[in-house]
Amino acid sequence: MESKNHYKVTYFPVIGRGEFLRIALVYAGCDWEERSVGFEEFFQGGFRETTPNGYMPLLEVNGGPAMDGTLECLRYICMKEGMYSKNINDSYACEKASSLIYTALFP
């Protein structure tokens, strides 16, 4: 089933926390775009002050306000696109695995 949502991911031009969102959007077959923000623009150009909490990645859905928090945005995409289990035990296992992987990659 093709998504009717349009997503925008804003992150640095590197593989990092934003990669989780990119992978989920590609896997779900979503319509999405990426805005790359350089380190200088983010830290010295004033972009950081325009974000909800001063960090990235950012996720916008259908032109709505920017959301942040990597795992929170990943969970949002998975729920919105039907990739999140309705079984609470399966959901727990997924949450635990994603937290462990995230913590291992970004201590």
C-alpha atoms as a PDB file:
ATOM      1  CA  MET A   1       0.000   0.000   0.000  1.00  0.00           C
ATOM      2  CA  GLU A   2       1.431   3.330  -1.047  1.00  0.00           C
ATOM      3  CA  SER A   3       1.555   6.102   1.522  1.00  0.00           C
ATOM      4  CA  LYS A   4      -0.453   9.257   0.942  1.00  0.00           C
ATOM      5  CA  ASN A   5       1.833  11.179   3.262  1.00  0.00           C
ATOM      6  CA  HIS A   6       4.763  13.363   2.299  1.00  0.00           C
ATOM      7  CA  TYR A   7       7.734  13.482   4.650  1.00  0.00           C
ATOM      8  CA  LYS A   8      10.667  15.843   4.925  1.00  0.00           C
ATOM      9  CA  VAL A   9      13.803  14.842   6.841  1.00  0.00           C
ATOM     10  CA  THR A  10      16.257  17.565   7.826  1.00  0.00           C
ATOM     11  CA  TYR A  11      19.703  16.489   8.950  1.00  0.00           C
ATOM     12  CA  PHE A  12      23.417  16.987   8.445  1.00  0.00           C
ATOM     13  CA  PRO A  13      24.926  15.626   5.197  1.00  0.00           C
ATOM     14  CA  VAL A  14      26.249  12.528   6.971  1.00  0.00           C
ATOM     15  CA  ILE A  15      25.158   9.037   7.925  1.00  0.00           C
ATOM     16  CA  GLY A  16      24.069   9.334  11.537  1.00  0.00           C
ATOM     17  CA  ARG A  17      20.874   9.613  13.548  1.00  0.00           C
ATOM     18  CA  GLY A  18      18.952  10.720  10.452  1.00  0.00           C
ATOM     19  CA  GLU A  19      19.720   7.413   8.759  1.00  0.00           C
ATOM     20  CA  PHE A  20      17.134   5.613  10.899  1.00  0.00           C
ATOM     21  CA  LEU A  21      14.405   7.839   9.436  1.00  0.00           C
ATOM     22  CA  ARG A  22      15.705   7.573   5.882  1.00  0.00           C
ATOM     23  CA  ILE A  23      15.745   3.775   6.029  1.00  0.00           C
ATOM     24  CA  ALA A  24      12.213   3.572   7.446  1.00  0.00           C
ATOM     25  CA  LEU A  25      10.838   5.927   4.774  1.00  0.00           C
ATOM     26  CA  VAL A  26      12.500   4.013   1.935  1.00  0.00           C
ATOM     27  CA  TYR A  27      11.372   0.670   3.360  1.00  0.00           C
ATOM     28  CA  ALA A  28       7.770   1.901   3.628  1.00  0.00           C
ATOM     29  CA  GLY A  29       7.857   3.260   0.065  1.00  0.00           C
ATOM     30  CA  CYS A  30       7.004   6.766   1.232  1.00  0.00           C
ATOM     31  CA  ASP A  31       7.174   9.986  -0.705  1.00  0.00           C
ATOM     32  CA  TRP A  32       9.892  11.973   1.032  1.00  0.00           C
ATOM     33  CA  GLU A  33      12.528  14.599   0.560  1.00  0.00           C
ATOM     34  CA  GLU A  34      15.664  15.500   2.401  1.00  0.00           C
ATOM     35  CA  ARG A  35      17.011  18.864   3.429  1.00  0.00           C
ATOM     36  CA  SER A  36      20.686  18.834   4.204  1.00  0.00           C
ATOM     37  CA  VAL A  37      21.887  21.417   6.709  1.00  0.00           C
ATOM     38  CA  GLY A  38      25.633  21.969   6.994  1.00  0.00           C
ATOM     39  CA  PHE A  39      27.363  22.149  10.336  1.00  0.00           C
ATOM     40  CA  GLU A  40      28.222  25.827   9.899  1.00  0.00           C
ATOM     41  CA  GLU A  41      24.632  26.727   9.014  1.00  0.00           C
ATOM     42  CA  PHE A  42      23.338  24.760  11.997  1.00  0.00           C
ATOM     43  CA  PHE A  43      25.765  25.974  14.660  1.00  0.00           C
ATOM     44  CA  GLN A  44      26.687  29.466  13.469  1.00  0.00           C
ATOM     45  CA  GLY A  45      24.081  30.373  10.871  1.00  0.00           C
ATOM     46  CA  GLY A  46      21.082  30.480  13.174  1.00  0.00           C
ATOM     47  CA  PHE A  47      19.369  27.302  11.994  1.00  0.00           C
ATOM     48  CA  ARG A  48      19.638  25.646  15.415  1.00  0.00           C
ATOM     49  CA  GLU A  49      17.449  28.356  16.945  1.00  0.00           C
ATOM     50  CA  THR A  50      14.634  27.508  14.494  1.00  0.00           C
ATOM     51  CA  THR A  51      14.381  23.876  15.665  1.00  0.00           C
ATOM     52  CA  PRO A  52      11.951  22.772  18.401  1.00  0.00           C
ATOM     53  CA  ASN A  53      14.681  21.798  20.891  1.00  0.00           C
ATOM     54  CA  GLY A  54      17.973  22.714  19.255  1.00  0.00           C
ATOM     55  CA  TYR A  55      18.891  19.411  17.643  1.00  0.00           C
ATOM     56  CA  MET A  56      18.263  17.200  14.628  1.00  0.00           C
ATOM     57  CA  PRO A  57      17.113  15.156  12.789  1.00  0.00           C
ATOM     58  CA  LEU A  58      13.832  16.885  12.138  1.00  0.00           C
ATOM     59  CA  LEU A  59      10.768  15.269  10.583  1.00  0.00           C
ATOM     60  CA  GLU A  60       7.930  17.152   8.918  1.00  0.00           C
ATOM     61  CA  VAL A  61       4.792  15.381   7.742  1.00  0.00           C
ATOM     62  CA  ASN A  62       2.497  16.843   5.080  1.00  0.00           C
ATOM     63  CA  GLY A  63       3.907  20.331   5.650  1.00  0.00           C
ATOM     64  CA  GLY A  64       3.178  20.266   9.382  1.00  0.00           C
ATOM     65  CA  PRO A  65       5.431  21.492  12.173  1.00  0.00           C
ATOM     66  CA  ALA A  66       8.877  19.964  12.605  1.00  0.00           C
ATOM     67  CA  MET A  67       9.223  17.116  15.099  1.00  0.00           C
ATOM     68  CA  ASP A  68      12.491  15.969  16.641  1.00  0.00           C
ATOM     69  CA  GLY A  69      13.807  13.006  18.604  1.00  0.00           C
ATOM     70  CA  THR A  70      15.237  10.233  16.457  1.00  0.00           C
ATOM     71  CA  LEU A  71      13.508   7.246  18.039  1.00  0.00           C
ATOM     72  CA  GLU A  72      10.282   9.172  18.548  1.00  0.00           C
ATOM     73  CA  CYS A  73      10.208  10.148  14.863  1.00  0.00           C
ATOM     74  CA  LEU A  74      11.095   6.609  13.820  1.00  0.00           C
ATOM     75  CA  ARG A  75       8.226   5.259  15.919  1.00  0.00           C
ATOM     76  CA  TYR A  76       5.901   7.893  14.423  1.00  0.00           C
ATOM     77  CA  ILE A  77       6.785   6.850  10.853  1.00  0.00           C
ATOM     78  CA  CYS A  78       6.337   3.168  11.663  1.00  0.00           C
ATOM     79  CA  MET A  79       2.956   3.738  13.309  1.00  0.00           C
ATOM     80  CA  LYS A  80       1.691   6.075  10.581  1.00  0.00           C
ATOM     81  CA  GLU A  81       2.796   3.734   7.791  1.00  0.00           C
ATOM     82  CA  GLY A  82       1.448   0.508   9.335  1.00  0.00           C
ATOM     83  CA  MET A  83       4.848  -0.958  10.226  1.00  0.00           C
ATOM     84  CA  TYR A  84       4.294  -0.951  13.980  1.00  0.00           C
ATOM     85  CA  SER A  85       2.865  -4.063  15.583  1.00  0.00           C
ATOM     86  CA  LYS A  86      -0.504  -3.958  17.294  1.00  0.00           C
ATOM     87  CA  ASN A  87       0.690  -6.812  19.527  1.00  0.00           C
ATOM     88  CA  ILE A  88       2.126  -5.305  22.703  1.00  0.00           C
ATOM     89  CA  ASN A  89       4.742  -8.046  23.161  1.00  0.00           C
ATOM     90  CA  ASP A  90       6.023  -7.578  19.623  1.00  0.00           C
ATOM     91  CA  SER A  91       6.020  -3.811  20.121  1.00  0.00           C
ATOM     92  CA  TYR A  92       8.079  -4.208  23.282  1.00  0.00           C
ATOM     93  CA  ALA A  93      10.629  -6.405  21.497  1.00  0.00           C
ATOM     94  CA  CYS A  94      10.898  -3.861  18.669  1.00  0.00           C
ATOM     95  CA  GLU A  95      11.320  -0.960  21.103  1.00  0.00           C
ATOM     96  CA  LYS A  96      13.980  -2.830  23.051  1.00  0.00           C
ATOM     97  CA  ALA A  97      15.934  -3.774  19.925  1.00  0.00           C
ATOM     98  CA  SER A  98      15.827  -0.255  18.467  1.00  0.00           C
ATOM     99  CA  SER A  99      16.932   1.249  21.796  1.00  0.00           C
ATOM    100  CA  LEU A 100      19.833  -1.184  22.085  1.00  0.00           C
ATOM    101  CA  ILE A 101      20.997  -0.515  18.522  1.00  0.00           C
ATOM    102  CA  TYR A 102      20.647   3.246  18.950  1.00  0.00           C
ATOM    103  CA  THR A 103      22.548   3.203  22.239  1.00  0.00           C
ATOM    104  CA  ALA A 104      25.308   1.045  20.750  1.00  0.00           C
ATOM    105  CA  LEU A 105      25.739   3.390  17.772  1.00  0.00           C
ATOM    106  CA  PHE A 106      25.347   6.671  19.649  1.00  0.00           C
ATOM    107  CA  PRO A 107      26.511   6.211  23.270  1.00  0.00           C
END
